[in-house]
Amino acid sequence: MKILKLRGNSGVTLIEVTLSIAIFAVVISVSAQSLMGFYAAIDIQEQRVEAIQAARAILSDIRLMRADFNLPNDGYDWAALLAWIEDQNEAGWEQHLRDEGPNALPGHSLTVTASDLDGNPAEAGDNPMEIEVTTTWQDLRGRTSSSTVATIISER
C-alpha cells in the first residue's frame, strides 16, 4: 500500500477571506456612492428639462396670441399684447405650471418680462421686443433653481 503525501495545504486562510471581503466592501461602497450621485444628477436634469419645456410653451402661446393683436392697417397693437402678458403674469400662467403629476416641480412659478432691445421695460411702441420667460422651482435638495428662455418678436 502506498501512502500519499500532501504537498502543502490547499485552500485559503481566514485572514485572506476577511481581507478579500473588506476590499470587496470598499469597491461596492464607492460604486454605490457614484451611482447615487449619477441618479441625482439625472433627476435634476429632468427637472430642468420640464421647466424649460414649460417656458417654451409660454413663448409658443405668446407667438400664437400675437396674431390676435394685428391691426387692420397692417399695424400691430403692442399695448394689447403687453396687457395680455401682464394679465397672464398676475394669473401665474397656471396652465403651464408643472407643480402636480409625475413630473412635478415643487414651488414652480413662471414670470414673463418684455423689454426693448436695450434692456429697458417694453412700451407700446417698441418693435421688436425681447420676451423672457423665467421659470423657478425647488430642486431635489430643496434649493431654488431657475432657467430663462428668451425670444425676440416683431410685427412680422
N, C-alpha and C. Protein backbone atom coordinates (compact mmCIF):
# COMPACT_ATOMS: atom_id res chain seq x y z
N MET A 1 0.82 -1.16 0.00
CA MET A 1 0.00 0.00 0.00
C MET A 1 0.88 1.24 0.00
N LYS A 2 0.52 2.17 -0.88
CA LYS A 2 1.30 3.39 -0.97
C LYS A 2 0.64 4.48 -0.15
N ILE A 3 1.42 5.27 0.46
CA ILE A 3 0.91 6.41 1.24
C ILE A 3 1.17 7.69 0.45
N LEU A 4 0.13 8.44 0.30
CA LEU A 4 0.25 9.72 -0.42
C LEU A 4 0.62 10.82 0.54
N LYS A 5 1.59 11.56 0.15
CA LYS A 5 1.98 12.70 0.97
C LYS A 5 1.27 13.95 0.46
N LEU A 6 0.80 14.76 1.36
CA LEU A 6 0.19 16.02 0.98
C LEU A 6 1.30 17.01 0.64
N ARG A 7 1.16 17.65 -0.46
CA ARG A 7 2.17 18.60 -0.90
C ARG A 7 1.76 20.01 -0.54
N GLY A 8 1.65 20.36 0.63
CA GLY A 8 1.25 21.70 1.06
C GLY A 8 -0.24 21.75 1.33
N ASN A 9 -0.62 22.78 1.98
CA ASN A 9 -2.03 22.96 2.31
C ASN A 9 -2.72 23.71 1.18
N SER A 10 -3.80 23.17 0.69
CA SER A 10 -4.56 23.90 -0.31
C SER A 10 -5.73 24.59 0.37
N GLY A 11 -6.21 25.71 -0.23
CA GLY A 11 -7.31 26.47 0.34
C GLY A 11 -6.85 27.86 0.76
N VAL A 12 -7.72 28.58 1.41
CA VAL A 12 -7.40 29.94 1.85
C VAL A 12 -7.58 30.04 3.36
N THR A 13 -6.86 30.97 3.91
CA THR A 13 -6.94 31.16 5.36
C THR A 13 -8.04 32.15 5.68
N LEU A 14 -8.40 32.20 6.92
CA LEU A 14 -9.43 33.13 7.38
C LEU A 14 -9.01 34.58 7.16
N ILE A 15 -7.78 34.91 7.31
CA ILE A 15 -7.29 36.27 7.09
C ILE A 15 -7.43 36.66 5.62
N GLU A 16 -7.14 35.76 4.71
CA GLU A 16 -7.28 36.04 3.28
C GLU A 16 -8.74 36.28 2.91
N VAL A 17 -9.64 35.49 3.45
CA VAL A 17 -11.07 35.67 3.18
C VAL A 17 -11.54 37.01 3.74
N THR A 18 -11.14 37.34 4.96
CA THR A 18 -11.54 38.60 5.58
C THR A 18 -11.02 39.79 4.78
N LEU A 19 -9.77 39.72 4.34
CA LEU A 19 -9.19 40.81 3.55
C LEU A 19 -9.91 40.97 2.22
N SER A 20 -10.24 39.88 1.54
CA SER A 20 -10.94 39.98 0.26
C SER A 20 -12.35 40.54 0.44
N ILE A 21 -13.03 40.19 1.51
CA ILE A 21 -14.37 40.74 1.79
C ILE A 21 -14.27 42.23 2.06
N ALA A 22 -13.25 42.65 2.80
CA ALA A 22 -13.07 44.07 3.08
C ALA A 22 -12.82 44.86 1.80
N ILE A 23 -11.98 44.37 0.93
CA ILE A 23 -11.71 45.04 -0.35
C ILE A 23 -12.99 45.10 -1.19
N PHE A 24 -13.73 44.00 -1.24
CA PHE A 24 -14.99 43.97 -1.98
C PHE A 24 -15.98 45.00 -1.43
N ALA A 25 -16.07 45.13 -0.11
CA ALA A 25 -16.98 46.09 0.51
C ALA A 25 -16.60 47.52 0.15
N VAL A 26 -15.31 47.83 0.12
CA VAL A 26 -14.86 49.18 -0.26
C VAL A 26 -15.23 49.48 -1.71
N VAL A 27 -15.00 48.54 -2.59
CA VAL A 27 -15.32 48.73 -4.01
C VAL A 27 -16.83 48.93 -4.19
N ILE A 28 -17.62 48.12 -3.53
CA ILE A 28 -19.08 48.25 -3.64
C ILE A 28 -19.56 49.59 -3.10
N SER A 29 -19.04 50.05 -1.97
CA SER A 29 -19.49 51.32 -1.41
C SER A 29 -19.10 52.50 -2.29
N VAL A 30 -17.93 52.48 -2.89
CA VAL A 30 -17.53 53.54 -3.81
C VAL A 30 -18.43 53.53 -5.05
N SER A 31 -18.73 52.37 -5.57
CA SER A 31 -19.62 52.26 -6.73
C SER A 31 -21.02 52.76 -6.39
N ALA A 32 -21.52 52.42 -5.21
CA ALA A 32 -22.85 52.86 -4.80
C ALA A 32 -22.91 54.38 -4.68
N GLN A 33 -21.88 54.99 -4.11
CA GLN A 33 -21.84 56.45 -4.00
C GLN A 33 -21.86 57.10 -5.37
N SER A 34 -21.09 56.56 -6.30
CA SER A 34 -21.06 57.10 -7.66
C SER A 34 -22.42 57.00 -8.33
N LEU A 35 -23.07 55.84 -8.18
CA LEU A 35 -24.39 55.66 -8.79
C LEU A 35 -25.43 56.59 -8.18
N MET A 36 -25.38 56.80 -6.87
CA MET A 36 -26.34 57.70 -6.23
C MET A 36 -26.15 59.12 -6.75
N GLY A 37 -24.93 59.56 -6.90
CA GLY A 37 -24.67 60.88 -7.46
C GLY A 37 -25.13 60.99 -8.90
N PHE A 38 -24.93 59.94 -9.66
CA PHE A 38 -25.36 59.90 -11.05
C PHE A 38 -26.88 60.00 -11.16
N TYR A 39 -27.60 59.23 -10.35
CA TYR A 39 -29.07 59.27 -10.41
C TYR A 39 -29.61 60.62 -9.93
N ALA A 40 -28.99 61.23 -8.95
CA ALA A 40 -29.41 62.56 -8.50
C ALA A 40 -29.21 63.58 -9.62
N ALA A 41 -28.10 63.49 -10.33
CA ALA A 41 -27.85 64.40 -11.45
C ALA A 41 -28.87 64.21 -12.56
N ILE A 42 -29.26 62.97 -12.81
CA ILE A 42 -30.28 62.71 -13.83
C ILE A 42 -31.62 63.33 -13.42
N ASP A 43 -32.00 63.18 -12.15
CA ASP A 43 -33.26 63.76 -11.67
C ASP A 43 -33.25 65.27 -11.79
N ILE A 44 -32.15 65.90 -11.43
CA ILE A 44 -32.05 67.36 -11.54
C ILE A 44 -32.14 67.79 -12.99
N GLN A 45 -31.51 67.05 -13.88
CA GLN A 45 -31.57 67.39 -15.30
C GLN A 45 -32.99 67.22 -15.84
N GLU A 46 -33.70 66.18 -15.39
CA GLU A 46 -35.09 66.00 -15.81
C GLU A 46 -35.96 67.17 -15.35
N GLN A 47 -35.72 67.66 -14.13
CA GLN A 47 -36.46 68.83 -13.66
C GLN A 47 -36.17 70.04 -14.53
N ARG A 48 -34.93 70.24 -14.88
CA ARG A 48 -34.55 71.38 -15.71
C ARG A 48 -35.23 71.29 -17.08
N VAL A 49 -35.29 70.11 -17.65
CA VAL A 49 -35.95 69.93 -18.94
C VAL A 49 -37.43 70.25 -18.83
N GLU A 50 -38.09 69.79 -17.77
CA GLU A 50 -39.52 70.09 -17.57
C GLU A 50 -39.74 71.60 -17.46
N ALA A 51 -38.88 72.28 -16.73
CA ALA A 51 -39.02 73.72 -16.54
C ALA A 51 -38.84 74.46 -17.86
N ILE A 52 -37.86 74.07 -18.64
CA ILE A 52 -37.61 74.73 -19.92
C ILE A 52 -38.74 74.45 -20.90
N GLN A 53 -39.31 73.25 -20.85
CA GLN A 53 -40.46 72.95 -21.72
C GLN A 53 -41.65 73.84 -21.37
N ALA A 54 -41.86 74.10 -20.08
CA ALA A 54 -42.95 74.99 -19.68
C ALA A 54 -42.69 76.41 -20.20
N ALA A 55 -41.46 76.87 -20.13
CA ALA A 55 -41.12 78.21 -20.63
C ALA A 55 -41.31 78.28 -22.14
N ARG A 56 -40.91 77.26 -22.84
CA ARG A 56 -41.09 77.26 -24.30
C ARG A 56 -42.57 77.23 -24.68
N ALA A 57 -43.38 76.54 -23.89
CA ALA A 57 -44.81 76.51 -24.16
C ALA A 57 -45.41 77.91 -24.02
N ILE A 58 -44.93 78.67 -23.05
CA ILE A 58 -45.42 80.05 -22.90
C ILE A 58 -45.02 80.89 -24.10
N LEU A 59 -43.78 80.76 -24.55
CA LEU A 59 -43.34 81.51 -25.73
C LEU A 59 -44.18 81.13 -26.94
N SER A 60 -44.54 79.87 -27.06
CA SER A 60 -45.41 79.44 -28.15
C SER A 60 -46.78 80.10 -28.04
N ASP A 61 -47.34 80.16 -26.83
CA ASP A 61 -48.63 80.83 -26.63
C ASP A 61 -48.55 82.30 -27.00
N ILE A 62 -47.46 82.95 -26.64
CA ILE A 62 -47.31 84.37 -26.97
C ILE A 62 -47.24 84.56 -28.48
N ARG A 63 -46.52 83.69 -29.17
CA ARG A 63 -46.45 83.80 -30.63
C ARG A 63 -47.83 83.58 -31.25
N LEU A 64 -48.60 82.63 -30.70
CA LEU A 64 -49.94 82.39 -31.23
C LEU A 64 -50.87 83.57 -30.95
N MET A 65 -50.77 84.14 -29.76
CA MET A 65 -51.64 85.27 -29.41
C MET A 65 -51.27 86.53 -30.20
N ARG A 66 -50.02 86.61 -30.63
CA ARG A 66 -49.57 87.78 -31.36
C ARG A 66 -50.45 88.04 -32.58
N ALA A 67 -50.92 86.99 -33.23
CA ALA A 67 -51.79 87.15 -34.40
C ALA A 67 -53.11 87.82 -34.05
N ASP A 68 -53.57 87.66 -32.80
CA ASP A 68 -54.83 88.27 -32.39
C ASP A 68 -54.72 89.79 -32.24
N PHE A 69 -53.51 90.31 -32.21
CA PHE A 69 -53.33 91.74 -31.98
C PHE A 69 -52.90 92.49 -33.24
N ASN A 70 -53.06 91.86 -34.40
CA ASN A 70 -52.80 92.56 -35.66
C ASN A 70 -53.90 93.59 -35.88
N LEU A 71 -53.52 94.76 -36.38
CA LEU A 71 -54.48 95.82 -36.68
C LEU A 71 -54.81 95.80 -38.17
N PRO A 72 -55.99 96.29 -38.56
CA PRO A 72 -56.40 96.23 -39.97
C PRO A 72 -55.48 97.02 -40.90
N ASN A 73 -54.83 98.05 -40.41
CA ASN A 73 -53.99 98.89 -41.27
C ASN A 73 -52.55 98.36 -41.35
N ASP A 74 -52.39 97.06 -41.21
CA ASP A 74 -51.09 96.40 -41.26
C ASP A 74 -50.18 96.83 -40.11
N GLY A 75 -50.79 97.25 -39.01
CA GLY A 75 -50.03 97.61 -37.81
C GLY A 75 -50.16 96.51 -36.77
N TYR A 76 -49.71 96.85 -35.59
CA TYR A 76 -49.73 95.86 -34.52
C TYR A 76 -50.04 96.54 -33.21
N ASP A 77 -50.92 95.97 -32.40
CA ASP A 77 -51.33 96.54 -31.12
C ASP A 77 -50.43 95.99 -30.01
N TRP A 78 -49.25 96.61 -29.87
CA TRP A 78 -48.29 96.17 -28.87
C TRP A 78 -48.82 96.35 -27.45
N ALA A 79 -49.59 97.42 -27.22
CA ALA A 79 -50.13 97.68 -25.89
C ALA A 79 -51.04 96.55 -25.45
N ALA A 80 -51.86 96.03 -26.36
CA ALA A 80 -52.77 94.94 -26.03
C ALA A 80 -51.98 93.65 -25.72
N LEU A 81 -50.92 93.40 -26.48
CA LEU A 81 -50.10 92.22 -26.20
C LEU A 81 -49.44 92.34 -24.83
N LEU A 82 -48.89 93.50 -24.52
CA LEU A 82 -48.25 93.69 -23.22
C LEU A 82 -49.26 93.56 -22.08
N ALA A 83 -50.48 94.07 -22.30
CA ALA A 83 -51.53 93.94 -21.28
C ALA A 83 -51.90 92.47 -21.09
N TRP A 84 -51.99 91.72 -22.19
CA TRP A 84 -52.31 90.30 -22.08
C TRP A 84 -51.22 89.56 -21.31
N ILE A 85 -49.95 89.86 -21.60
CA ILE A 85 -48.85 89.23 -20.88
C ILE A 85 -48.92 89.56 -19.40
N GLU A 86 -49.21 90.82 -19.08
CA GLU A 86 -49.30 91.21 -17.66
C GLU A 86 -50.46 90.50 -16.96
N ASP A 87 -51.58 90.36 -17.66
CA ASP A 87 -52.71 89.62 -17.08
C ASP A 87 -52.32 88.16 -16.80
N GLN A 88 -51.61 87.54 -17.72
CA GLN A 88 -51.17 86.16 -17.53
C GLN A 88 -50.16 86.05 -16.38
N ASN A 89 -49.28 87.07 -16.25
CA ASN A 89 -48.33 87.08 -15.12
C ASN A 89 -49.08 87.12 -13.79
N GLU A 90 -50.11 87.94 -13.73
CA GLU A 90 -50.89 88.04 -12.49
C GLU A 90 -51.62 86.74 -12.20
N ALA A 91 -52.09 86.07 -13.24
CA ALA A 91 -52.78 84.79 -13.05
C ALA A 91 -51.78 83.66 -12.75
N GLY A 92 -50.51 83.88 -13.02
CA GLY A 92 -49.49 82.89 -12.69
C GLY A 92 -49.22 81.85 -13.77
N TRP A 93 -49.76 82.05 -14.98
CA TRP A 93 -49.56 81.11 -16.07
C TRP A 93 -49.92 79.69 -15.61
N GLU A 94 -51.03 79.56 -14.91
CA GLU A 94 -51.41 78.30 -14.27
C GLU A 94 -51.46 77.11 -15.22
N GLN A 95 -51.87 77.32 -16.47
CA GLN A 95 -51.98 76.21 -17.40
C GLN A 95 -50.63 75.61 -17.76
N HIS A 96 -49.53 76.32 -17.45
CA HIS A 96 -48.19 75.82 -17.78
C HIS A 96 -47.39 75.36 -16.57
N LEU A 97 -47.95 75.49 -15.38
CA LEU A 97 -47.21 75.09 -14.18
C LEU A 97 -47.09 73.58 -14.12
N ARG A 98 -45.93 73.11 -13.66
CA ARG A 98 -45.69 71.68 -13.50
C ARG A 98 -45.56 71.37 -12.01
N ASP A 99 -46.59 71.74 -11.23
CA ASP A 99 -46.49 71.54 -9.78
C ASP A 99 -47.26 70.32 -9.29
N GLU A 100 -47.87 69.56 -10.20
CA GLU A 100 -48.56 68.33 -9.84
C GLU A 100 -48.26 67.27 -10.89
N GLY A 101 -48.50 66.04 -10.55
CA GLY A 101 -48.33 64.95 -11.50
C GLY A 101 -46.96 64.30 -11.41
N PRO A 102 -46.69 63.38 -12.35
CA PRO A 102 -45.45 62.60 -12.28
C PRO A 102 -44.18 63.43 -12.48
N ASN A 103 -44.26 64.51 -13.23
CA ASN A 103 -43.08 65.34 -13.49
C ASN A 103 -43.19 66.68 -12.76
N ALA A 104 -43.69 66.64 -11.55
CA ALA A 104 -43.94 67.88 -10.80
C ALA A 104 -42.64 68.59 -10.44
N LEU A 105 -42.73 69.91 -10.43
CA LEU A 105 -41.63 70.76 -9.98
C LEU A 105 -42.12 71.48 -8.73
N PRO A 106 -41.63 71.13 -7.56
CA PRO A 106 -42.10 71.76 -6.32
C PRO A 106 -41.84 73.28 -6.34
N GLY A 107 -42.83 74.05 -5.94
CA GLY A 107 -42.69 75.50 -5.87
C GLY A 107 -42.51 76.15 -7.23
N HIS A 108 -43.07 75.57 -8.26
CA HIS A 108 -42.88 76.06 -9.63
C HIS A 108 -43.60 77.38 -9.84
N SER A 109 -42.89 78.35 -10.42
CA SER A 109 -43.50 79.62 -10.80
C SER A 109 -42.91 80.07 -12.13
N LEU A 110 -43.71 80.84 -12.87
CA LEU A 110 -43.31 81.33 -14.19
C LEU A 110 -43.53 82.83 -14.25
N THR A 111 -42.59 83.56 -14.82
CA THR A 111 -42.71 85.01 -14.97
C THR A 111 -42.25 85.39 -16.37
N VAL A 112 -43.01 86.26 -17.02
CA VAL A 112 -42.66 86.74 -18.35
C VAL A 112 -42.37 88.23 -18.26
N THR A 113 -41.24 88.64 -18.83
CA THR A 113 -40.90 90.06 -18.91
C THR A 113 -40.67 90.43 -20.36
N ALA A 114 -41.09 91.62 -20.69
CA ALA A 114 -40.89 92.14 -22.04
C ALA A 114 -39.99 93.37 -21.94
N SER A 115 -39.03 93.45 -22.84
CA SER A 115 -38.12 94.60 -22.83
C SER A 115 -37.77 94.99 -24.26
N ASP A 116 -37.31 96.24 -24.41
CA ASP A 116 -36.82 96.63 -25.72
C ASP A 116 -35.42 96.04 -25.90
N LEU A 117 -34.82 96.28 -27.03
CA LEU A 117 -33.52 95.65 -27.30
C LEU A 117 -32.39 96.25 -26.49
N ASP A 118 -32.64 97.37 -25.80
CA ASP A 118 -31.64 97.95 -24.91
C ASP A 118 -31.77 97.42 -23.49
N GLY A 119 -32.77 96.58 -23.23
CA GLY A 119 -32.96 96.01 -21.91
C GLY A 119 -33.91 96.79 -21.02
N ASN A 120 -34.49 97.87 -21.53
CA ASN A 120 -35.47 98.65 -20.76
C ASN A 120 -36.83 97.98 -20.84
N PRO A 121 -37.69 98.20 -19.84
CA PRO A 121 -39.04 97.61 -19.92
C PRO A 121 -39.74 98.04 -21.21
N ALA A 122 -40.42 97.10 -21.83
CA ALA A 122 -41.06 97.35 -23.12
C ALA A 122 -42.22 98.31 -22.97
N GLU A 123 -42.39 99.11 -24.00
CA GLU A 123 -43.53 100.03 -24.09
C GLU A 123 -44.28 99.71 -25.37
N ALA A 124 -45.44 100.33 -25.53
CA ALA A 124 -46.32 100.00 -26.64
C ALA A 124 -45.68 100.22 -28.02
N GLY A 125 -44.76 101.14 -28.17
CA GLY A 125 -44.19 101.43 -29.48
C GLY A 125 -42.93 100.65 -29.81
N ASP A 126 -42.46 99.82 -28.91
CA ASP A 126 -41.20 99.10 -29.14
C ASP A 126 -41.40 97.98 -30.15
N ASN A 127 -40.59 98.00 -31.18
CA ASN A 127 -40.63 96.96 -32.20
C ASN A 127 -39.23 96.79 -32.74
N PRO A 128 -38.61 95.68 -32.59
CA PRO A 128 -39.05 94.46 -31.94
C PRO A 128 -38.88 94.55 -30.42
N MET A 129 -39.36 93.53 -29.74
CA MET A 129 -39.15 93.46 -28.29
C MET A 129 -38.70 92.05 -27.91
N GLU A 130 -37.97 92.01 -26.80
CA GLU A 130 -37.47 90.73 -26.31
C GLU A 130 -38.40 90.22 -25.22
N ILE A 131 -38.79 88.98 -25.32
CA ILE A 131 -39.65 88.35 -24.33
C ILE A 131 -38.81 87.30 -23.59
N GLU A 132 -38.75 87.41 -22.27
CA GLU A 132 -38.02 86.43 -21.44
C GLU A 132 -38.99 85.72 -20.52
N VAL A 133 -38.89 84.41 -20.49
CA VAL A 133 -39.69 83.61 -19.57
C VAL A 133 -38.73 83.00 -18.55
N THR A 134 -38.97 83.32 -17.28
CA THR A 134 -38.13 82.78 -16.20
C THR A 134 -38.97 81.79 -15.41
N THR A 135 -38.45 80.60 -15.27
CA THR A 135 -39.12 79.56 -14.51
C THR A 135 -38.28 79.23 -13.28
N THR A 136 -38.94 79.13 -12.13
CA THR A 136 -38.27 78.91 -10.86
C THR A 136 -38.94 77.74 -10.15
N TRP A 137 -38.13 76.89 -9.49
CA TRP A 137 -38.67 75.74 -8.77
C TRP A 137 -37.67 75.32 -7.70
N GLN A 138 -38.11 74.40 -6.84
CA GLN A 138 -37.24 73.83 -5.81
C GLN A 138 -36.68 72.50 -6.33
N ASP A 139 -35.36 72.35 -6.29
CA ASP A 139 -34.79 71.09 -6.77
C ASP A 139 -34.90 70.01 -5.69
N LEU A 140 -34.34 68.85 -5.95
CA LEU A 140 -34.45 67.71 -5.04
C LEU A 140 -33.80 67.96 -3.69
N ARG A 141 -32.84 68.84 -3.64
CA ARG A 141 -32.16 69.15 -2.39
C ARG A 141 -32.77 70.35 -1.67
N GLY A 142 -33.87 70.88 -2.22
CA GLY A 142 -34.55 72.00 -1.59
C GLY A 142 -34.00 73.36 -1.98
N ARG A 143 -33.06 73.39 -2.91
CA ARG A 143 -32.50 74.67 -3.35
C ARG A 143 -33.36 75.24 -4.47
N THR A 144 -33.37 76.57 -4.55
CA THR A 144 -34.12 77.23 -5.61
C THR A 144 -33.31 77.19 -6.90
N SER A 145 -33.94 76.71 -7.96
CA SER A 145 -33.32 76.67 -9.27
C SER A 145 -34.15 77.50 -10.22
N SER A 146 -33.52 78.03 -11.25
CA SER A 146 -34.27 78.79 -12.25
C SER A 146 -33.60 78.67 -13.60
N SER A 147 -34.41 78.86 -14.63
CA SER A 147 -33.93 78.88 -16.01
C SER A 147 -34.68 79.98 -16.73
N THR A 148 -34.03 80.54 -17.73
CA THR A 148 -34.65 81.60 -18.51
C THR A 148 -34.54 81.25 -19.99
N VAL A 149 -35.65 81.44 -20.70
CA VAL A 149 -35.71 81.24 -22.15
C VAL A 149 -36.19 82.56 -22.73
N ALA A 150 -35.56 83.00 -23.83
CA ALA A 150 -35.91 84.29 -24.41
C ALA A 150 -36.10 84.18 -25.92
N THR A 151 -36.87 85.10 -26.44
CA THR A 151 -37.06 85.22 -27.88
C THR A 151 -37.29 86.69 -28.22
N ILE A 152 -37.20 87.01 -29.48
CA ILE A 152 -37.47 88.37 -29.95
C ILE A 152 -38.67 88.28 -30.86
N ILE A 153 -39.65 89.16 -30.64
CA ILE A 153 -40.82 89.19 -31.53
C ILE A 153 -40.91 90.57 -32.16
N SER A 154 -41.48 90.59 -33.36
CA SER A 154 -41.67 91.84 -34.08
C SER A 154 -43.02 91.79 -34.76
N GLU A 155 -43.34 92.85 -35.49
CA GLU A 155 -44.63 92.91 -36.17
C GLU A 155 -44.76 91.83 -37.23
N ARG A 156 -43.70 91.46 -37.84
CA ARG A 156 -43.75 90.50 -38.95
C ARG A 156 -43.25 89.15 -38.52
